[in-house]
Amino acid sequence: MSERYPRIRTQARNGLPIREGLSLSFYMKRPHLDMVQEVMHCLDTYLRVVGAQTLQRYVDHEGEWQNLDEAGWELTRRKLLERPRPGVELLGWTGDDRYGFIYRGKNPDDPILPGDTGEVCALSIWLPTEYLEEHGPGRLQELALELASTLPFCSGHAGLSFHCEIQVAGVRRKLREYCFRYPGLDIPELEHLSLNLGTRVRGPAWLTFLGQPVLGALGGVTTLRTRLSSPGTTVQELNGDRAVVTLGPWPEAGDTEQGQLLPAYRELARVLEPWIYREEPGRPGLEVPESTRRWERRFLD
């Protein structure tokens, strides 16, 4: 295990596991059917890295987990190719290691709620931290850049993340025991972000991918470089007026109890603050929980 992050092996009260892991996530404000081949390519790329046998379960039409057999693969690929708003969730376990390919396809040009500007297609893949320890951060960075070169993203991020089923009752409560201590571990909320993120950014991560319009609003790659001076931080220009900011040679979790506050992450958060996603009340009269606001501002306060 690396000293850069903890080994988390715990459970929510309902017995569901919570692990530390890696996630690579991208958000595209394009209709799914306009980029279905790119999404299929990302799935094939992921399977090439981990092996098709690694993913073992999928969510069916009724929201139930099923074995990912030949029929399950056929259903998954047909769903991606034919549906305008497909939801795909493929998971696998090898001991404590968790793998996943999760995708939420949308049509931002024709949102579910008329006038809503937040819908985006969202894709995330999971790898265990053991992958990082075995292959090194360079291999993870290469994979992230390969996926980024395929997808017409507005934003994206790659680095440490909790691996858990965040939508299940009790899981978020358990995460509070860890998320404020280890600010570099992202909380996986792909479903929610696919409905609300729009062209905003999730926040700083080891690799932070910036597309339009945020990169343009920041003044482009040259201006962004002048605003980031932390040792080890780099800004790499990508095709299509996009860029990736890398915060050091390895992803780090930080540890507020040990005074490890991740200054490079905090510097990037200050630069991105006007465009970082902030939760909004679900309806008038409600307030966003204080714990949510605290986590959103963990690199700013």
C-alpha atoms as a PDB file:
ATOM      1  CA  MET A   1       0.000   0.000   0.000  1.00  0.00           C
ATOM      2  CA  SER A   2       1.228   3.489  -0.803  1.00  0.00           C
ATOM      3  CA  GLU A   3       1.739   6.045   1.954  1.00  0.00           C
ATOM      4  CA  ARG A   4      -0.139   8.468  -0.298  1.00  0.00           C
ATOM      5  CA  TYR A   5      -3.540   7.017   0.540  1.00  0.00           C
ATOM      6  CA  PRO A   6      -5.172   4.813   3.187  1.00  0.00           C
ATOM      7  CA  ARG A   7      -6.374   1.263   2.809  1.00  0.00           C
ATOM      8  CA  ILE A   8     -10.112   1.445   3.524  1.00  0.00           C
ATOM      9  CA  ARG A   9     -11.944  -1.835   4.040  1.00  0.00           C
ATOM     10  CA  THR A  10     -15.212  -1.173   5.820  1.00  0.00           C
ATOM     11  CA  GLN A  11     -18.960  -1.605   5.501  1.00  0.00           C
ATOM     12  CA  ALA A  12     -22.061   0.489   5.846  1.00  0.00           C
ATOM     13  CA  ARG A  13     -24.585  -0.636   8.465  1.00  0.00           C
ATOM     14  CA  ASN A  14     -26.435  -2.629   5.815  1.00  0.00           C
ATOM     15  CA  GLY A  15     -23.261  -4.629   5.104  1.00  0.00           C
ATOM     16  CA  LEU A  16     -22.436  -3.012   1.757  1.00  0.00           C
ATOM     17  CA  PRO A  17     -18.657  -2.649   1.286  1.00  0.00           C
ATOM     18  CA  ILE A  18     -16.810   0.659   1.037  1.00  0.00           C
ATOM     19  CA  ARG A  19     -13.288   0.616  -0.405  1.00  0.00           C
ATOM     20  CA  GLU A  20     -10.679   3.093  -1.575  1.00  0.00           C
ATOM     21  CA  GLY A  21     -10.051   2.855  -5.286  1.00  0.00           C
ATOM     22  CA  LEU A  22      -9.453   4.727  -8.521  1.00  0.00           C
ATOM     23  CA  SER A  23     -11.984   6.327 -10.834  1.00  0.00           C
ATOM     24  CA  LEU A  24     -11.695   7.957 -14.243  1.00  0.00           C
ATOM     25  CA  SER A  25     -14.761  10.031 -15.071  1.00  0.00           C
ATOM     26  CA  PHE A  26     -15.796  12.242 -18.004  1.00  0.00           C
ATOM     27  CA  TYR A  27     -18.816  14.454 -18.693  1.00  0.00           C
ATOM     28  CA  MET A  28     -20.050  15.256 -22.199  1.00  0.00           C
ATOM     29  CA  LYS A  29     -22.746  17.790 -23.077  1.00  0.00           C
ATOM     30  CA  ARG A  30     -23.613  15.961 -26.255  1.00  0.00           C
ATOM     31  CA  PRO A  31     -26.533  13.632 -27.103  1.00  0.00           C
ATOM     32  CA  HIS A  32     -25.627  10.025 -26.431  1.00  0.00           C
ATOM     33  CA  LEU A  33     -26.610   8.853 -29.911  1.00  0.00           C
ATOM     34  CA  ASP A  34     -24.162  11.354 -31.422  1.00  0.00           C
ATOM     35  CA  MET A  35     -21.218   9.718 -29.651  1.00  0.00           C
ATOM     36  CA  VAL A  36     -22.264   6.124 -29.123  1.00  0.00           C
ATOM     37  CA  GLN A  37     -19.248   4.766 -31.005  1.00  0.00           C
ATOM     38  CA  GLU A  38     -16.901   6.729 -28.744  1.00  0.00           C
ATOM     39  CA  VAL A  39     -18.560   5.231 -25.667  1.00  0.00           C
ATOM     40  CA  MET A  40     -18.323   1.736 -27.142  1.00  0.00           C
ATOM     41  CA  HIS A  41     -14.639   2.348 -27.826  1.00  0.00           C
ATOM     42  CA  CYS A  42     -14.119   3.324 -24.171  1.00  0.00           C
ATOM     43  CA  LEU A  43     -15.784   0.106 -23.040  1.00  0.00           C
ATOM     44  CA  ASP A  44     -13.559  -1.939 -25.350  1.00  0.00           C
ATOM     45  CA  THR A  45     -10.485  -0.059 -24.106  1.00  0.00           C
ATOM     46  CA  TYR A  46     -11.399  -0.779 -20.499  1.00  0.00           C
ATOM     47  CA  LEU A  47     -11.979  -4.461 -21.216  1.00  0.00           C
ATOM     48  CA  ARG A  48      -8.606  -4.637 -22.940  1.00  0.00           C
ATOM     49  CA  VAL A  49      -7.001  -3.352 -19.736  1.00  0.00           C
ATOM     50  CA  VAL A  50      -8.833  -5.474 -17.166  1.00  0.00           C
ATOM     51  CA  GLY A  51     -10.109  -8.441 -19.210  1.00  0.00           C
ATOM     52  CA  ALA A  52     -13.751  -9.113 -20.102  1.00  0.00           C
ATOM     53  CA  GLN A  53     -14.000 -11.816 -17.425  1.00  0.00           C
ATOM     54  CA  THR A  54     -13.312  -9.248 -14.683  1.00  0.00           C
ATOM     55  CA  LEU A  55     -16.792  -7.724 -14.950  1.00  0.00           C
ATOM     56  CA  GLN A  56     -19.275 -10.213 -13.520  1.00  0.00           C
ATOM     57  CA  ARG A  57     -22.603  -8.482 -12.845  1.00  0.00           C
ATOM     58  CA  TYR A  58     -24.907  -6.000 -14.554  1.00  0.00           C
ATOM     59  CA  VAL A  59     -28.099  -4.143 -13.685  1.00  0.00           C
ATOM     60  CA  ASP A  60     -31.117  -5.318 -15.693  1.00  0.00           C
ATOM     61  CA  HIS A  61     -34.254  -3.441 -16.795  1.00  0.00           C
ATOM     62  CA  GLU A  62     -35.800  -3.867 -13.345  1.00  0.00           C
ATOM     63  CA  GLY A  63     -32.785  -2.514 -11.510  1.00  0.00           C
ATOM     64  CA  GLU A  64     -31.742  -5.960 -10.291  1.00  0.00           C
ATOM     65  CA  TRP A  65     -28.226  -7.399 -10.419  1.00  0.00           C
ATOM     66  CA  GLN A  66     -27.742 -10.286 -12.846  1.00  0.00           C
ATOM     67  CA  ASN A  67     -24.783 -12.422 -13.906  1.00  0.00           C
ATOM     68  CA  LEU A  68     -22.986 -10.854 -16.855  1.00  0.00           C
ATOM     69  CA  ASP A  69     -23.173 -13.800 -19.232  1.00  0.00           C
ATOM     70  CA  GLU A  70     -23.256 -13.754 -23.032  1.00  0.00           C
ATOM     71  CA  ALA A  71     -26.883 -12.637 -23.029  1.00  0.00           C
ATOM     72  CA  GLY A  72     -26.025  -9.864 -20.564  1.00  0.00           C
ATOM     73  CA  TRP A  73     -23.255  -8.585 -22.827  1.00  0.00           C
ATOM     74  CA  GLU A  74     -25.581  -8.622 -25.824  1.00  0.00           C
ATOM     75  CA  LEU A  75     -28.220  -6.672 -23.886  1.00  0.00           C
ATOM     76  CA  THR A  76     -25.626  -4.139 -22.705  1.00  0.00           C
ATOM     77  CA  ARG A  77     -24.238  -3.449 -26.167  1.00  0.00           C
ATOM     78  CA  ARG A  78     -27.711  -3.244 -27.714  1.00  0.00           C
ATOM     79  CA  LYS A  79     -28.756  -0.790 -24.993  1.00  0.00           C
ATOM     80  CA  LEU A  80     -25.773   1.438 -25.740  1.00  0.00           C
ATOM     81  CA  LEU A  81     -26.316   1.300 -29.494  1.00  0.00           C
ATOM     82  CA  GLU A  82     -30.064   1.821 -29.573  1.00  0.00           C
ATOM     83  CA  ARG A  83     -31.291   3.818 -26.599  1.00  0.00           C
ATOM     84  CA  PRO A  84     -31.103   7.629 -26.421  1.00  0.00           C
ATOM     85  CA  ARG A  85     -30.691   7.585 -22.614  1.00  0.00           C
ATOM     86  CA  PRO A  86     -29.043   4.282 -21.686  1.00  0.00           C
ATOM     87  CA  GLY A  87     -28.013   3.461 -18.157  1.00  0.00           C
ATOM     88  CA  VAL A  88     -25.259   0.853 -17.944  1.00  0.00           C
ATOM     89  CA  GLU A  89     -23.689  -0.483 -14.763  1.00  0.00           C
ATOM     90  CA  LEU A  90     -21.173  -3.323 -14.939  1.00  0.00           C
ATOM     91  CA  LEU A  91     -19.242  -4.376 -11.831  1.00  0.00           C
ATOM     92  CA  GLY A  92     -16.736  -7.041 -10.872  1.00  0.00           C
ATOM     93  CA  TRP A  93     -14.960  -8.190  -7.729  1.00  0.00           C
ATOM     94  CA  THR A  94     -11.650  -9.949  -7.230  1.00  0.00           C
ATOM     95  CA  GLY A  95     -11.272 -10.342  -3.499  1.00  0.00           C
ATOM     96  CA  ASP A  96     -11.346  -6.798  -2.107  1.00  0.00           C
ATOM     97  CA  ASP A  97     -10.624  -5.295  -5.529  1.00  0.00           C
ATOM     98  CA  ARG A  98     -13.554  -3.653  -7.320  1.00  0.00           C
ATOM     99  CA  TYR A  99     -13.901  -2.939 -11.023  1.00  0.00           C
ATOM    100  CA  GLY A 100     -16.654  -1.085 -12.797  1.00  0.00           C
ATOM    101  CA  PHE A 101     -17.885   0.513 -16.008  1.00  0.00           C
ATOM    102  CA  ILE A 102     -20.738   2.919 -15.309  1.00  0.00           C
ATOM    103  CA  TYR A 103     -22.414   5.110 -17.905  1.00  0.00           C
ATOM    104  CA  ARG A 104     -25.413   7.414 -17.965  1.00  0.00           C
ATOM    105  CA  GLY A 105     -26.415   8.526 -21.440  1.00  0.00           C
ATOM    106  CA  LYS A 106     -28.527  11.673 -21.848  1.00  0.00           C
ATOM    107  CA  ASN A 107     -29.767  14.030 -24.525  1.00  0.00           C
ATOM    108  CA  PRO A 108     -28.867  17.551 -23.353  1.00  0.00           C
ATOM    109  CA  ASP A 109     -30.513  18.962 -26.504  1.00  0.00           C
ATOM    110  CA  ASP A 110     -33.851  17.552 -25.296  1.00  0.00           C
ATOM    111  CA  PRO A 111     -33.610  17.321 -21.489  1.00  0.00           C
ATOM    112  CA  ILE A 112     -36.056  15.394 -19.360  1.00  0.00           C
ATOM    113  CA  LEU A 113     -37.058  18.657 -17.667  1.00  0.00           C
ATOM    114  CA  PRO A 114     -37.622  21.350 -20.319  1.00  0.00           C
ATOM    115  CA  GLY A 115     -35.200  24.216 -19.898  1.00  0.00           C
ATOM    116  CA  ASP A 116     -32.827  22.192 -17.732  1.00  0.00           C
ATOM    117  CA  THR A 117     -29.216  22.943 -18.677  1.00  0.00           C
ATOM    118  CA  GLY A 118     -27.583  20.450 -16.331  1.00  0.00           C
ATOM    119  CA  GLU A 119     -27.955  17.148 -18.200  1.00  0.00           C
ATOM    120  CA  VAL A 120     -24.763  15.531 -19.494  1.00  0.00           C
ATOM    121  CA  CYS A 121     -23.644  12.108 -20.583  1.00  0.00           C
ATOM    122  CA  ALA A 122     -21.416  10.760 -17.817  1.00  0.00           C
ATOM    123  CA  LEU A 123     -18.957   7.872 -17.891  1.00  0.00           C
ATOM    124  CA  SER A 124     -16.841   6.442 -15.089  1.00  0.00           C
ATOM    125  CA  ILE A 125     -14.554   3.443 -14.850  1.00  0.00           C
ATOM    126  CA  TRP A 126     -13.237   1.920 -11.637  1.00  0.00           C
ATOM    127  CA  LEU A 127      -9.916   0.283 -10.917  1.00  0.00           C
ATOM    128  CA  PRO A 128      -8.514  -0.930  -7.589  1.00  0.00           C
ATOM    129  CA  THR A 129      -5.573   0.894  -6.037  1.00  0.00           C
ATOM    130  CA  GLU A 130      -3.663  -2.351  -6.493  1.00  0.00           C
ATOM    131  CA  TYR A 131      -3.612  -1.526 -10.208  1.00  0.00           C
ATOM    132  CA  LEU A 132      -1.744   1.677  -9.386  1.00  0.00           C
ATOM    133  CA  GLU A 133       0.694  -0.170  -7.122  1.00  0.00           C
ATOM    134  CA  GLU A 134       1.388  -2.847  -9.728  1.00  0.00           C
ATOM    135  CA  HIS A 135       1.641  -0.692 -12.854  1.00  0.00           C
ATOM    136  CA  GLY A 136       2.551   2.748 -11.504  1.00  0.00           C
ATOM    137  CA  PRO A 137       0.860   6.113 -12.052  1.00  0.00           C
ATOM    138  CA  GLY A 138       2.209   6.459 -15.595  1.00  0.00           C
ATOM    139  CA  ARG A 139       0.036   3.597 -16.821  1.00  0.00           C
ATOM    140  CA  LEU A 140      -3.052   5.093 -15.181  1.00  0.00           C
ATOM    141  CA  GLN A 141      -2.295   8.455 -16.752  1.00  0.00           C
ATOM    142  CA  GLU A 142      -1.898   6.837 -20.185  1.00  0.00           C
ATOM    143  CA  LEU A 143      -5.284   5.147 -19.831  1.00  0.00           C
ATOM    144  CA  ALA A 144      -6.964   8.401 -18.782  1.00  0.00           C
ATOM    145  CA  LEU A 145      -5.451  10.248 -21.749  1.00  0.00           C
ATOM    146  CA  GLU A 146      -6.507   7.475 -24.135  1.00  0.00           C
ATOM    147  CA  LEU A 147     -10.104   7.733 -22.943  1.00  0.00           C
ATOM    148  CA  ALA A 148      -9.966  11.533 -23.067  1.00  0.00           C
ATOM    149  CA  SER A 149      -8.754  11.478 -26.675  1.00  0.00           C
ATOM    150  CA  THR A 150     -11.891   9.539 -27.628  1.00  0.00           C
ATOM    151  CA  LEU A 151     -14.564  11.470 -25.750  1.00  0.00           C
ATOM    152  CA  PRO A 152     -15.858  15.008 -26.517  1.00  0.00           C
ATOM    153  CA  PHE A 153     -15.713  15.950 -22.827  1.00  0.00           C
ATOM    154  CA  CYS A 154     -16.474  19.298 -21.226  1.00  0.00           C
ATOM    155  CA  SER A 155     -14.723  18.173 -18.049  1.00  0.00           C
ATOM    156  CA  GLY A 156     -13.372  15.100 -16.356  1.00  0.00           C
ATOM    157  CA  HIS A 157     -11.223  13.868 -13.504  1.00  0.00           C
ATOM    158  CA  ALA A 158      -9.128  10.864 -12.558  1.00  0.00           C
ATOM    159  CA  GLY A 159      -7.682   9.839  -9.236  1.00  0.00           C
ATOM    160  CA  LEU A 160      -8.583   8.369  -5.896  1.00  0.00           C
ATOM    161  CA  SER A 161     -12.214   7.684  -5.091  1.00  0.00           C
ATOM    162  CA  PHE A 162     -14.419   5.739  -2.737  1.00  0.00           C
ATOM    163  CA  HIS A 163     -15.823   2.583  -4.319  1.00  0.00           C
ATOM    164  CA  CYS A 164     -19.325   2.094  -2.954  1.00  0.00           C
ATOM    165  CA  GLU A 165     -23.003   2.182  -3.844  1.00  0.00           C
ATOM    166  CA  ILE A 166     -23.632   5.776  -2.831  1.00  0.00           C
ATOM    167  CA  GLN A 167     -27.355   5.680  -3.622  1.00  0.00           C
ATOM    168  CA  VAL A 168     -28.085   2.989  -0.999  1.00  0.00           C
ATOM    169  CA  ALA A 169     -29.296   4.185   2.399  1.00  0.00           C
ATOM    170  CA  GLY A 170     -26.606   4.251   5.056  1.00  0.00           C
ATOM    171  CA  VAL A 171     -23.604   4.419   2.740  1.00  0.00           C
ATOM    172  CA  ARG A 172     -23.275   8.200   2.708  1.00  0.00           C
ATOM    173  CA  ARG A 173     -23.457   8.308   6.515  1.00  0.00           C
ATOM    174  CA  LYS A 174     -20.548   5.858   6.750  1.00  0.00           C
ATOM    175  CA  LEU A 175     -18.517   7.891   4.261  1.00  0.00           C
ATOM    176  CA  ARG A 176     -18.604  10.872   6.612  1.00  0.00           C
ATOM    177  CA  GLU A 177     -16.203   8.992   8.868  1.00  0.00           C
ATOM    178  CA  TYR A 178     -13.572   9.162   6.101  1.00  0.00           C
ATOM    179  CA  CYS A 179     -14.295  11.839   3.494  1.00  0.00           C
ATOM    180  CA  PHE A 180     -13.331  14.869   5.574  1.00  0.00           C
ATOM    181  CA  ARG A 181     -10.135  13.245   6.801  1.00  0.00           C
ATOM    182  CA  TYR A 182      -9.064  12.174   3.278  1.00  0.00           C
ATOM    183  CA  PRO A 183     -10.126  15.063   1.002  1.00  0.00           C
ATOM    184  CA  GLY A 184      -8.414  13.611  -2.081  1.00  0.00           C
ATOM    185  CA  LEU A 185     -10.875  10.703  -2.214  1.00  0.00           C
ATOM    186  CA  ASP A 186     -13.794  11.594  -4.480  1.00  0.00           C
ATOM    187  CA  ILE A 187     -17.362  10.530  -3.696  1.00  0.00           C
ATOM    188  CA  PRO A 188     -18.931   8.692  -6.687  1.00  0.00           C
ATOM    189  CA  GLU A 189     -22.160  10.439  -7.693  1.00  0.00           C
ATOM    190  CA  LEU A 190     -22.354   9.757 -11.424  1.00  0.00           C
ATOM    191  CA  GLU A 191     -26.135   9.477 -11.621  1.00  0.00           C
ATOM    192  CA  HIS A 192     -26.673  12.760  -9.815  1.00  0.00           C
ATOM    193  CA  LEU A 193     -23.980  14.595 -11.762  1.00  0.00           C
ATOM    194  CA  SER A 194     -25.359  13.364 -15.100  1.00  0.00           C
ATOM    195  CA  LEU A 195     -28.556  15.267 -14.313  1.00  0.00           C
ATOM    196  CA  ASN A 196     -27.033  18.416 -12.853  1.00  0.00           C
ATOM    197  CA  LEU A 197     -23.369  19.068 -13.707  1.00  0.00           C
ATOM    198  CA  GLY A 198     -23.760  20.803 -17.071  1.00  0.00           C
ATOM    199  CA  THR A 199     -20.534  22.492 -18.163  1.00  0.00           C
ATOM    200  CA  ARG A 200     -19.300  23.030 -14.599  1.00  0.00           C
ATOM    201  CA  VAL A 201     -16.456  21.002 -13.124  1.00  0.00           C
ATOM    202  CA  ARG A 202     -16.497  18.469 -10.320  1.00  0.00           C
ATOM    203  CA  GLY A 203     -13.467  19.943  -8.585  1.00  0.00           C
ATOM    204  CA  PRO A 204      -9.737  19.274  -8.330  1.00  0.00           C
ATOM    205  CA  ALA A 205      -8.411  15.745  -8.699  1.00  0.00           C
ATOM    206  CA  TRP A 206      -5.026  14.222  -9.492  1.00  0.00           C
ATOM    207  CA  LEU A 207      -5.904  14.630 -13.189  1.00  0.00           C
ATOM    208  CA  THR A 208      -8.410  17.386 -13.924  1.00  0.00           C
ATOM    209  CA  PHE A 209      -9.614  17.537 -17.528  1.00  0.00           C
ATOM    210  CA  LEU A 210     -10.889  20.897 -18.735  1.00  0.00           C
ATOM    211  CA  GLY A 211     -12.753  21.511 -21.955  1.00  0.00           C
ATOM    212  CA  GLN A 212     -14.993  24.312 -23.161  1.00  0.00           C
ATOM    213  CA  PRO A 213     -16.352  26.642 -21.957  1.00  0.00           C
ATOM    214  CA  VAL A 214     -14.374  26.563 -18.687  1.00  0.00           C
ATOM    215  CA  LEU A 215     -10.895  26.460 -20.215  1.00  0.00           C
ATOM    216  CA  GLY A 216     -11.738  29.439 -22.416  1.00  0.00           C
ATOM    217  CA  ALA A 217     -13.150  31.356 -19.454  1.00  0.00           C
ATOM    218  CA  LEU A 218      -9.872  30.712 -17.612  1.00  0.00           C
ATOM    219  CA  GLY A 219      -7.953  32.327 -20.473  1.00  0.00           C
ATOM    220  CA  GLY A 220      -6.694  29.122 -22.084  1.00  0.00           C
ATOM    221  CA  VAL A 221      -3.698  26.931 -21.361  1.00  0.00           C
ATOM    222  CA  THR A 222      -1.112  29.717 -21.235  1.00  0.00           C
ATOM    223  CA  THR A 223      -3.004  31.764 -18.659  1.00  0.00           C
ATOM    224  CA  LEU A 224      -3.837  28.672 -16.614  1.00  0.00           C
ATOM    225  CA  ARG A 225      -0.147  27.782 -16.382  1.00  0.00           C
ATOM    226  CA  THR A 226       0.674  31.212 -14.960  1.00  0.00           C
ATOM    227  CA  ARG A 227      -1.896  30.734 -12.189  1.00  0.00           C
ATOM    228  CA  LEU A 228      -0.655  27.339 -10.997  1.00  0.00           C
ATOM    229  CA  SER A 229       2.745  27.376  -9.314  1.00  0.00           C
ATOM    230  CA  SER A 230       2.701  24.395  -6.926  1.00  0.00           C
ATOM    231  CA  PRO A 231       5.710  22.074  -7.343  1.00  0.00           C
ATOM    232  CA  GLY A 232       4.821  19.121  -9.564  1.00  0.00           C
ATOM    233  CA  THR A 233       1.736  20.722 -11.114  1.00  0.00           C
ATOM    234  CA  THR A 234       1.660  20.618 -14.924  1.00  0.00           C
ATOM    235  CA  VAL A 235      -0.803  21.802 -17.552  1.00  0.00           C
ATOM    236  CA  GLN A 236      -0.834  19.775 -20.783  1.00  0.00           C
ATOM    237  CA  GLU A 237      -2.624  21.039 -23.860  1.00  0.00           C
ATOM    238  CA  LEU A 238      -4.914  18.514 -25.579  1.00  0.00           C
ATOM    239  CA  ASN A 239      -6.538  18.639 -28.987  1.00  0.00           C
ATOM    240  CA  GLY A 240      -9.876  20.375 -29.371  1.00  0.00           C
ATOM    241  CA  ASP A 241      -9.062  23.375 -27.123  1.00  0.00           C
ATOM    242  CA  ARG A 242      -8.837  21.194 -24.048  1.00  0.00           C
ATOM    243  CA  ALA A 243      -6.265  20.516 -21.343  1.00  0.00           C
ATOM    244  CA  VAL A 244      -5.401  18.290 -18.403  1.00  0.00           C
ATOM    245  CA  VAL A 245      -3.946  19.551 -15.131  1.00  0.00           C
ATOM    246  CA  THR A 246      -1.789  16.995 -13.303  1.00  0.00           C
ATOM    247  CA  LEU A 247      -1.146  17.517  -9.588  1.00  0.00           C
ATOM    248  CA  GLY A 248       2.125  15.760  -8.922  1.00  0.00           C
ATOM    249  CA  PRO A 249       3.464  12.334  -9.883  1.00  0.00           C
ATOM    250  CA  TRP A 250       0.962  10.290  -7.821  1.00  0.00           C
ATOM    251  CA  PRO A 251      -2.668  10.709  -6.735  1.00  0.00           C
ATOM    252  CA  GLU A 252      -2.866  11.556  -3.050  1.00  0.00           C
ATOM    253  CA  ALA A 253      -5.644  11.306  -0.464  1.00  0.00           C
ATOM    254  CA  GLY A 254      -4.231  13.787   2.040  1.00  0.00           C
ATOM    255  CA  ASP A 255      -4.890  13.378   5.756  1.00  0.00           C
ATOM    256  CA  THR A 256      -6.228  16.360   7.684  1.00  0.00           C
ATOM    257  CA  GLU A 257      -5.445  14.678  11.003  1.00  0.00           C
ATOM    258  CA  GLN A 258      -1.780  14.538   9.987  1.00  0.00           C
ATOM    259  CA  GLY A 259      -1.676  18.036   8.509  1.00  0.00           C
ATOM    260  CA  GLN A 260      -1.530  16.757   4.919  1.00  0.00           C
ATOM    261  CA  LEU A 261      -3.795  19.376   3.328  1.00  0.00           C
ATOM    262  CA  LEU A 262      -2.863  18.899  -0.354  1.00  0.00           C
ATOM    263  CA  PRO A 263      -1.739  22.451  -1.196  1.00  0.00           C
ATOM    264  CA  ALA A 264      -1.633  21.789  -4.963  1.00  0.00           C
ATOM    265  CA  TYR A 265      -5.262  20.655  -4.875  1.00  0.00           C
ATOM    266  CA  ARG A 266      -6.185  23.738  -2.865  1.00  0.00           C
ATOM    267  CA  GLU A 267      -4.425  26.016  -5.352  1.00  0.00           C
ATOM    268  CA  LEU A 268      -6.339  24.479  -8.274  1.00  0.00           C
ATOM    269  CA  ALA A 269      -9.610  24.702  -6.337  1.00  0.00           C
ATOM    270  CA  ARG A 270      -9.120  28.454  -5.878  1.00  0.00           C
ATOM    271  CA  VAL A 271      -8.544  28.881  -9.610  1.00  0.00           C
ATOM    272  CA  LEU A 272     -11.579  26.767 -10.533  1.00  0.00           C
ATOM    273  CA  GLU A 273     -13.886  28.022  -7.778  1.00  0.00           C
ATOM    274  CA  PRO A 274     -16.300  30.025 -10.000  1.00  0.00           C
ATOM    275  CA  TRP A 275     -16.979  26.890 -12.088  1.00  0.00           C
ATOM    276  CA  ILE A 276     -16.997  24.153  -9.451  1.00  0.00           C
ATOM    277  CA  TYR A 277     -20.341  22.371  -9.124  1.00  0.00           C
ATOM    278  CA  ARG A 278     -22.362  23.247  -6.034  1.00  0.00           C
ATOM    279  CA  GLU A 279     -25.378  21.290  -4.921  1.00  0.00           C
ATOM    280  CA  GLU A 280     -28.703  23.101  -5.188  1.00  0.00           C
ATOM    281  CA  PRO A 281     -31.830  22.452  -3.081  1.00  0.00           C
ATOM    282  CA  GLY A 282     -34.132  19.846  -4.564  1.00  0.00           C
ATOM    283  CA  ARG A 283     -37.105  22.185  -4.303  1.00  0.00           C
ATOM    284  CA  PRO A 284     -37.990  25.598  -2.827  1.00  0.00           C
ATOM    285  CA  GLY A 285     -37.895  25.702   0.956  1.00  0.00           C
ATOM    286  CA  LEU A 286     -35.250  23.015   1.309  1.00  0.00           C
ATOM    287  CA  GLU A 287     -31.634  23.630   2.266  1.00  0.00           C
ATOM    288  CA  VAL A 288     -28.513  21.779   1.197  1.00  0.00           C
ATOM    289  CA  PRO A 289     -27.113  19.853   4.211  1.00  0.00           C
ATOM    290  CA  GLU A 290     -24.208  21.543   5.979  1.00  0.00           C
ATOM    291  CA  SER A 291     -22.098  18.400   5.553  1.00  0.00           C
ATOM    292  CA  THR A 292     -22.524  18.631   1.770  1.00  0.00           C
ATOM    293  CA  ARG A 293     -21.442  22.268   1.705  1.00  0.00           C
ATOM    294  CA  ARG A 294     -18.478  21.422   3.926  1.00  0.00           C
ATOM    295  CA  TRP A 295     -17.336  18.645   1.590  1.00  0.00           C
ATOM    296  CA  GLU A 296     -17.777  20.836  -1.502  1.00  0.00           C
ATOM    297  CA  ARG A 297     -15.497  23.446   0.088  1.00  0.00           C
ATOM    298  CA  ARG A 298     -12.960  21.033   1.567  1.00  0.00           C
ATOM    299  CA  PHE A 299     -10.162  22.541  -0.550  1.00  0.00           C
ATOM    300  CA  LEU A 300     -11.315  26.150  -0.122  1.00  0.00           C
ATOM    301  CA  ASP A 301     -11.926  26.691   3.601  1.00  0.00           C
END
